[in-house]
């Protein structure tokens, strides 16, 4: 069972691209979290880790198309 390979590839690539976009949004409403994730448009702290991981996953997903 499972989903078709082309659908899984598209979902993984799209999800990782959305993860990259989400790093430019505020993740919390309080500046008490380490890295101050309340700022829009400037990733900090944990968002940088998600940005790098999402970018790598997006590149790998796109490269799977050949």
PDB file of N, CA and C in Angstrom:
ATOM      1  N   UNK A   1       0.838  -1.185   0.000  1.00  0.00           N
ATOM      2  CA  UNK A   1       0.000   0.000   0.000  1.00  0.00           C
ATOM      3  C   UNK A   1       0.878   1.241   0.000  1.00  0.00           C
ATOM      4  N   UNK A   2       0.265   2.349   0.277  1.00  0.00           N
ATOM      5  CA  UNK A   2       0.993   3.598   0.295  1.00  0.00           C
ATOM      6  C   UNK A   2       0.504   4.521  -0.802  1.00  0.00           C
ATOM      7  N   UNK A   3       1.136   5.644  -0.889  1.00  0.00           N
ATOM      8  CA  UNK A   3       0.765   6.603  -1.924  1.00  0.00           C
ATOM      9  C   UNK A   3       1.722   6.464  -3.094  1.00  0.00           C
ATOM     10  N   UNK A   4       1.303   6.906  -4.279  1.00  0.00           N
ATOM     11  CA  UNK A   4       2.197   6.835  -5.438  1.00  0.00           C
ATOM     12  C   UNK A   4       3.450   7.692  -5.221  1.00  0.00           C
ATOM     13  N   UNK A   5       4.535   7.288  -5.847  1.00  0.00           N
ATOM     14  CA  UNK A   5       5.822   7.972  -5.659  1.00  0.00           C
ATOM     15  C   UNK A   5       5.758   9.432  -6.084  1.00  0.00           C
ATOM     16  N   UNK A   6       5.090   9.725  -7.194  1.00  0.00           N
ATOM     17  CA  UNK A   6       5.050  11.115  -7.668  1.00  0.00           C
ATOM     18  C   UNK A   6       4.275  12.005  -6.701  1.00  0.00           C
ATOM     19  N   UNK A   7       3.239  11.462  -6.069  1.00  0.00           N
ATOM     20  CA  UNK A   7       2.476  12.242  -5.096  1.00  0.00           C
ATOM     21  C   UNK A   7       3.289  12.465  -3.816  1.00  0.00           C
ATOM     22  N   UNK A   8       3.977  11.446  -3.360  1.00  0.00           N
ATOM     23  CA  UNK A   8       4.826  11.585  -2.178  1.00  0.00           C
ATOM     24  C   UNK A   8       5.948  12.584  -2.387  1.00  0.00           C
ATOM     25  N   UNK A   9       6.538  12.541  -3.578  1.00  0.00           N
ATOM     26  CA  UNK A   9       7.611  13.478  -3.905  1.00  0.00           C
ATOM     27  C   UNK A   9       7.091  14.915  -3.910  1.00  0.00           C
ATOM     28  N   UNK A  10       5.912  15.116  -4.502  1.00  0.00           N
ATOM     29  CA  UNK A  10       5.328  16.457  -4.556  1.00  0.00           C
ATOM     30  C   UNK A  10       4.966  16.961  -3.162  1.00  0.00           C
ATOM     31  N   UNK A  11       4.395  16.102  -2.333  1.00  0.00           N
ATOM     32  CA  UNK A  11       4.029  16.507  -0.974  1.00  0.00           C
ATOM     33  C   UNK A  11       5.258  16.839  -0.131  1.00  0.00           C
ATOM     34  N   UNK A  12       6.300  16.044  -0.252  1.00  0.00           N
ATOM     35  CA  UNK A  12       7.524  16.297   0.514  1.00  0.00           C
ATOM     36  C   UNK A  12       8.192  17.595   0.070  1.00  0.00           C
ATOM     37  N   UNK A  13       8.241  17.818  -1.234  1.00  0.00           N
ATOM     38  CA  UNK A  13       8.855  19.042  -1.749  1.00  0.00           C
ATOM     39  C   UNK A  13       8.036  20.265  -1.356  1.00  0.00           C
ATOM     40  N   UNK A  14       6.723  20.170  -1.488  1.00  0.00           N
ATOM     41  CA  UNK A  14       5.858  21.286  -1.105  1.00  0.00           C
ATOM     42  C   UNK A  14       5.905  21.575   0.383  1.00  0.00           C
ATOM     43  N   UNK A  15       5.913  20.535   1.197  1.00  0.00           N
ATOM     44  CA  UNK A  15       5.984  20.722   2.643  1.00  0.00           C
ATOM     45  C   UNK A  15       7.283  21.348   3.099  1.00  0.00           C
ATOM     46  N   UNK A  16       8.373  20.943   2.476  1.00  0.00           N
ATOM     47  CA  UNK A  16       9.662  21.530   2.856  1.00  0.00           C
ATOM     48  C   UNK A  16       9.762  22.979   2.386  1.00  0.00           C
ATOM     49  N   UNK A  17       9.153  23.293   1.246  1.00  0.00           N
ATOM     50  CA  UNK A  17       9.130  24.690   0.791  1.00  0.00           C
ATOM     51  C   UNK A  17       8.290  25.543   1.742  1.00  0.00           C
ATOM     52  N   UNK A  18       7.184  25.002   2.230  1.00  0.00           N
ATOM     53  CA  UNK A  18       6.373  25.728   3.210  1.00  0.00           C
ATOM     54  C   UNK A  18       7.125  25.921   4.524  1.00  0.00           C
ATOM     55  N   UNK A  19       7.949  24.968   4.903  1.00  0.00           N
ATOM     56  CA  UNK A  19       8.761  25.113   6.115  1.00  0.00           C
ATOM     57  C   UNK A  19       9.743  26.271   5.967  1.00  0.00           C
ATOM     58  N   UNK A  20      10.326  26.408   4.773  1.00  0.00           N
ATOM     59  CA  UNK A  20      11.242  27.526   4.520  1.00  0.00           C
ATOM     60  C   UNK A  20      10.493  28.848   4.632  1.00  0.00           C
ATOM     61  N   UNK A  21       9.319  28.933   4.036  1.00  0.00           N
ATOM     62  CA  UNK A  21       8.524  30.165   4.090  1.00  0.00           C
ATOM     63  C   UNK A  21       8.126  30.488   5.529  1.00  0.00           C
ATOM     64  N   UNK A  22       7.808  29.470   6.318  1.00  0.00           N
ATOM     65  CA  UNK A  22       7.353  29.706   7.690  1.00  0.00           C
ATOM     66  C   UNK A  22       8.435  30.310   8.580  1.00  0.00           C
ATOM     67  N   UNK A  23       9.697  30.167   8.208  1.00  0.00           N
ATOM     68  CA  UNK A  23      10.757  30.735   9.049  1.00  0.00           C
ATOM     69  C   UNK A  23      10.757  32.254   9.014  1.00  0.00           C
ATOM     70  N   UNK A  24      10.083  32.846   8.038  1.00  0.00           N
ATOM     71  CA  UNK A  24      10.023  34.299   7.950  1.00  0.00           C
ATOM     72  C   UNK A  24       8.785  34.867   8.643  1.00  0.00           C
ATOM     73  N   UNK A  25       8.024  34.017   9.330  1.00  0.00           N
ATOM     74  CA  UNK A  25       6.868  34.446  10.104  1.00  0.00           C
ATOM     75  C   UNK A  25       7.199  34.368  11.587  1.00  0.00           C
ATOM     76  N   UNK A  26       6.432  35.102  12.404  1.00  0.00           N
ATOM     77  CA  UNK A  26       6.621  35.039  13.856  1.00  0.00           C
ATOM     78  C   UNK A  26       6.099  33.704  14.369  1.00  0.00           C
ATOM     79  N   UNK A  27       6.862  33.053  15.236  1.00  0.00           N
ATOM     80  CA  UNK A  27       6.475  31.748  15.772  1.00  0.00           C
ATOM     81  C   UNK A  27       5.908  31.842  17.178  1.00  0.00           C
ATOM     82  N   UNK A  28       6.012  32.968  17.816  1.00  0.00           N
ATOM     83  CA  UNK A  28       5.515  33.111  19.185  1.00  0.00           C
ATOM     84  C   UNK A  28       5.122  34.566  19.412  1.00  0.00           C
ATOM     85  N   UNK A  29       4.410  34.824  20.474  1.00  0.00           N
ATOM     86  CA  UNK A  29       3.953  36.172  20.765  1.00  0.00           C
ATOM     87  C   UNK A  29       4.749  36.824  21.888  1.00  0.00           C
ATOM     88  N   UNK A  30       5.698  36.124  22.449  1.00  0.00           N
ATOM     89  CA  UNK A  30       6.490  36.670  23.544  1.00  0.00           C
ATOM     90  C   UNK A  30       7.976  36.623  23.195  1.00  0.00           C
ATOM     91  N   UNK A  31       8.691  37.638  23.599  1.00  0.00           N
ATOM     92  CA  UNK A  31      10.130  37.705  23.328  1.00  0.00           C
ATOM     93  C   UNK A  31      10.938  36.897  24.342  1.00  0.00           C
ATOM     94  N   UNK A  32      10.275  36.231  25.290  1.00  0.00           N
ATOM     95  CA  UNK A  32      10.985  35.468  26.322  1.00  0.00           C
ATOM     96  C   UNK A  32      11.589  34.179  25.786  1.00  0.00           C
ATOM     97  N   UNK A  33      11.098  33.692  24.660  1.00  0.00           N
ATOM     98  CA  UNK A  33      11.649  32.470  24.073  1.00  0.00           C
ATOM     99  C   UNK A  33      13.056  32.762  23.566  1.00  0.00           C
ATOM    100  N   UNK A  34      14.020  31.873  23.781  1.00  0.00           N
ATOM    101  CA  UNK A  34      15.390  32.112  23.310  1.00  0.00           C
ATOM    102  C   UNK A  34      15.441  32.335  21.801  1.00  0.00           C
ATOM    103  N   UNK A  35      16.020  33.427  21.405  1.00  0.00           N
ATOM    104  CA  UNK A  35      16.141  33.751  19.990  1.00  0.00           C
ATOM    105  C   UNK A  35      15.118  34.763  19.522  1.00  0.00           C
ATOM    106  N   UNK A  36      14.167  35.170  20.372  1.00  0.00           N
ATOM    107  CA  UNK A  36      13.135  36.157  20.051  1.00  0.00           C
ATOM    108  C   UNK A  36      12.489  35.863  18.698  1.00  0.00           C
ATOM    109  N   UNK A  37      11.569  34.928  18.665  1.00  0.00           N
ATOM    110  CA  UNK A  37      10.909  34.514  17.428  1.00  0.00           C
ATOM    111  C   UNK A  37       9.675  35.344  17.115  1.00  0.00           C
ATOM    112  N   UNK A  38       9.570  36.567  17.693  1.00  0.00           N
ATOM    113  CA  UNK A  38       8.413  37.421  17.455  1.00  0.00           C
ATOM    114  C   UNK A  38       8.590  38.327  16.252  1.00  0.00           C
ATOM    115  N   UNK A  39       9.737  38.340  15.626  1.00  0.00           N
ATOM    116  CA  UNK A  39      10.043  39.260  14.531  1.00  0.00           C
ATOM    117  C   UNK A  39       9.658  38.626  13.202  1.00  0.00           C
ATOM    118  N   UNK A  40       8.987  39.384  12.351  1.00  0.00           N
ATOM    119  CA  UNK A  40       8.639  38.920  11.008  1.00  0.00           C
ATOM    120  C   UNK A  40       9.769  39.240  10.040  1.00  0.00           C
ATOM    121  N   UNK A  41      10.074  38.322   9.140  1.00  0.00           N
ATOM    122  CA  UNK A  41      11.023  38.578   8.067  1.00  0.00           C
ATOM    123  C   UNK A  41      12.487  38.405   8.422  1.00  0.00           C
ATOM    124  N   UNK A  42      12.786  38.058   9.665  1.00  0.00           N
ATOM    125  CA  UNK A  42      14.177  37.882  10.068  1.00  0.00           C
ATOM    126  C   UNK A  42      14.284  36.647  10.951  1.00  0.00           C
ATOM    127  N   UNK A  43      14.601  35.484  10.381  1.00  0.00           N
ATOM    128  CA  UNK A  43      14.661  34.255  11.173  1.00  0.00           C
ATOM    129  C   UNK A  43      15.750  34.314  12.241  1.00  0.00           C
ATOM    130  N   UNK A  44      15.448  33.776  13.384  1.00  0.00           N
ATOM    131  CA  UNK A  44      16.434  33.745  14.453  1.00  0.00           C
ATOM    132  C   UNK A  44      16.285  32.489  15.281  1.00  0.00           C
ATOM    133  N   UNK A  45      17.358  32.084  15.909  1.00  0.00           N
ATOM    134  CA  UNK A  45      17.311  30.935  16.801  1.00  0.00           C
ATOM    135  C   UNK A  45      16.939  29.650  16.089  1.00  0.00           C
ATOM    136  N   UNK A  46      15.899  29.018  16.568  1.00  0.00           N
ATOM    137  CA  UNK A  46      15.433  27.745  16.031  1.00  0.00           C
ATOM    138  C   UNK A  46      14.989  27.867  14.573  1.00  0.00           C
ATOM    139  N   UNK A  47      14.508  29.045  14.175  1.00  0.00           N
ATOM    140  CA  UNK A  47      14.046  29.237  12.800  1.00  0.00           C
ATOM    141  C   UNK A  47      15.177  29.052  11.790  1.00  0.00           C
ATOM    142  N   UNK A  48      16.388  29.397  12.158  1.00  0.00           N
ATOM    143  CA  UNK A  48      17.522  29.224  11.244  1.00  0.00           C
ATOM    144  C   UNK A  48      17.763  27.740  10.982  1.00  0.00           C
ATOM    145  N   UNK A  49      17.631  26.933  12.016  1.00  0.00           N
ATOM    146  CA  UNK A  49      17.783  25.487  11.852  1.00  0.00           C
ATOM    147  C   UNK A  49      16.719  24.932  10.907  1.00  0.00           C
ATOM    148  N   UNK A  50      15.476  25.376  11.062  1.00  0.00           N
ATOM    149  CA  UNK A  50      14.394  24.933  10.180  1.00  0.00           C
ATOM    150  C   UNK A  50      14.608  25.469   8.766  1.00  0.00           C
ATOM    151  N   UNK A  51      15.125  26.681   8.641  1.00  0.00           N
ATOM    152  CA  UNK A  51      15.403  27.257   7.326  1.00  0.00           C
ATOM    153  C   UNK A  51      16.424  26.419   6.565  1.00  0.00           C
ATOM    154  N   UNK A  52      17.502  26.046   7.220  1.00  0.00           N
ATOM    155  CA  UNK A  52      18.542  25.241   6.572  1.00  0.00           C
ATOM    156  C   UNK A  52      18.018  23.844   6.236  1.00  0.00           C
ATOM    157  N   UNK A  53      17.353  23.215   7.191  1.00  0.00           N
ATOM    158  CA  UNK A  53      16.803  21.880   6.944  1.00  0.00           C
ATOM    159  C   UNK A  53      15.752  21.878   5.854  1.00  0.00           C
ATOM    160  N   UNK A  54      14.888  22.882   5.858  1.00  0.00           N
ATOM    161  CA  UNK A  54      13.863  22.978   4.826  1.00  0.00           C
ATOM    162  C   UNK A  54      14.442  23.253   3.456  1.00  0.00           C
ATOM    163  N   UNK A  55      15.474  24.090   3.405  1.00  0.00           N
ATOM    164  CA  UNK A  55      16.121  24.373   2.119  1.00  0.00           C
ATOM    165  C   UNK A  55      16.799  23.126   1.563  1.00  0.00           C
ATOM    166  N   UNK A  56      17.470  22.377   2.428  1.00  0.00           N
ATOM    167  CA  UNK A  56      18.103  21.133   1.971  1.00  0.00           C
ATOM    168  C   UNK A  56      17.065  20.115   1.507  1.00  0.00           C
ATOM    169  N   UNK A  57      15.980  19.987   2.256  1.00  0.00           N
ATOM    170  CA  UNK A  57      14.927  19.041   1.869  1.00  0.00           C
ATOM    171  C   UNK A  57      14.264  19.463   0.562  1.00  0.00           C
ATOM    172  N   UNK A  58      14.076  20.767   0.367  1.00  0.00           N
ATOM    173  CA  UNK A  58      13.498  21.255  -0.887  1.00  0.00           C
ATOM    174  C   UNK A  58      14.428  20.966  -2.054  1.00  0.00           C
ATOM    175  N   UNK A  59      15.711  21.220  -1.871  1.00  0.00           N
ATOM    176  CA  UNK A  59      16.671  20.936  -2.942  1.00  0.00           C
ATOM    177  C   UNK A  59      16.718  19.450  -3.275  1.00  0.00           C
ATOM    178  N   UNK A  60      16.699  18.603  -2.260  1.00  0.00           N
ATOM    179  CA  UNK A  60      16.691  17.161  -2.508  1.00  0.00           C
ATOM    180  C   UNK A  60      15.398  16.726  -3.195  1.00  0.00           C
ATOM    181  N   UNK A  61      14.285  17.322  -2.787  1.00  0.00           N
ATOM    182  CA  UNK A  61      13.016  16.998  -3.433  1.00  0.00           C
ATOM    183  C   UNK A  61      12.986  17.420  -4.885  1.00  0.00           C
ATOM    184  N   UNK A  62      13.507  18.604  -5.160  1.00  0.00           N
ATOM    185  CA  UNK A  62      13.547  19.079  -6.548  1.00  0.00           C
ATOM    186  C   UNK A  62      14.510  18.260  -7.395  1.00  0.00           C
ATOM    187  N   UNK A  63      15.616  17.836  -6.790  1.00  0.00           N
ATOM    188  CA  UNK A  63      16.583  17.047  -7.557  1.00  0.00           C
ATOM    189  C   UNK A  63      16.051  15.650  -7.877  1.00  0.00           C
ATOM    190  N   UNK A  64      15.058  15.193  -7.140  1.00  0.00           N
ATOM    191  CA  UNK A  64      14.496  13.866  -7.414  1.00  0.00           C
ATOM    192  C   UNK A  64      13.667  13.847  -8.692  1.00  0.00           C
ATOM    193  N   UNK A  65      13.342  15.020  -9.212  1.00  0.00           N
ATOM    194  CA  UNK A  65      12.584  15.095 -10.464  1.00  0.00           C
ATOM    195  C   UNK A  65      13.475  14.908 -11.684  1.00  0.00           C
ATOM    196  N   UNK A  66      14.780  15.021 -11.490  1.00  0.00           N
ATOM    197  CA  UNK A  66      15.717  14.761 -12.583  1.00  0.00           C
ATOM    198  C   UNK A  66      16.053  15.902 -13.395  1.00  0.00           C
TER     199      UNK A  66
END
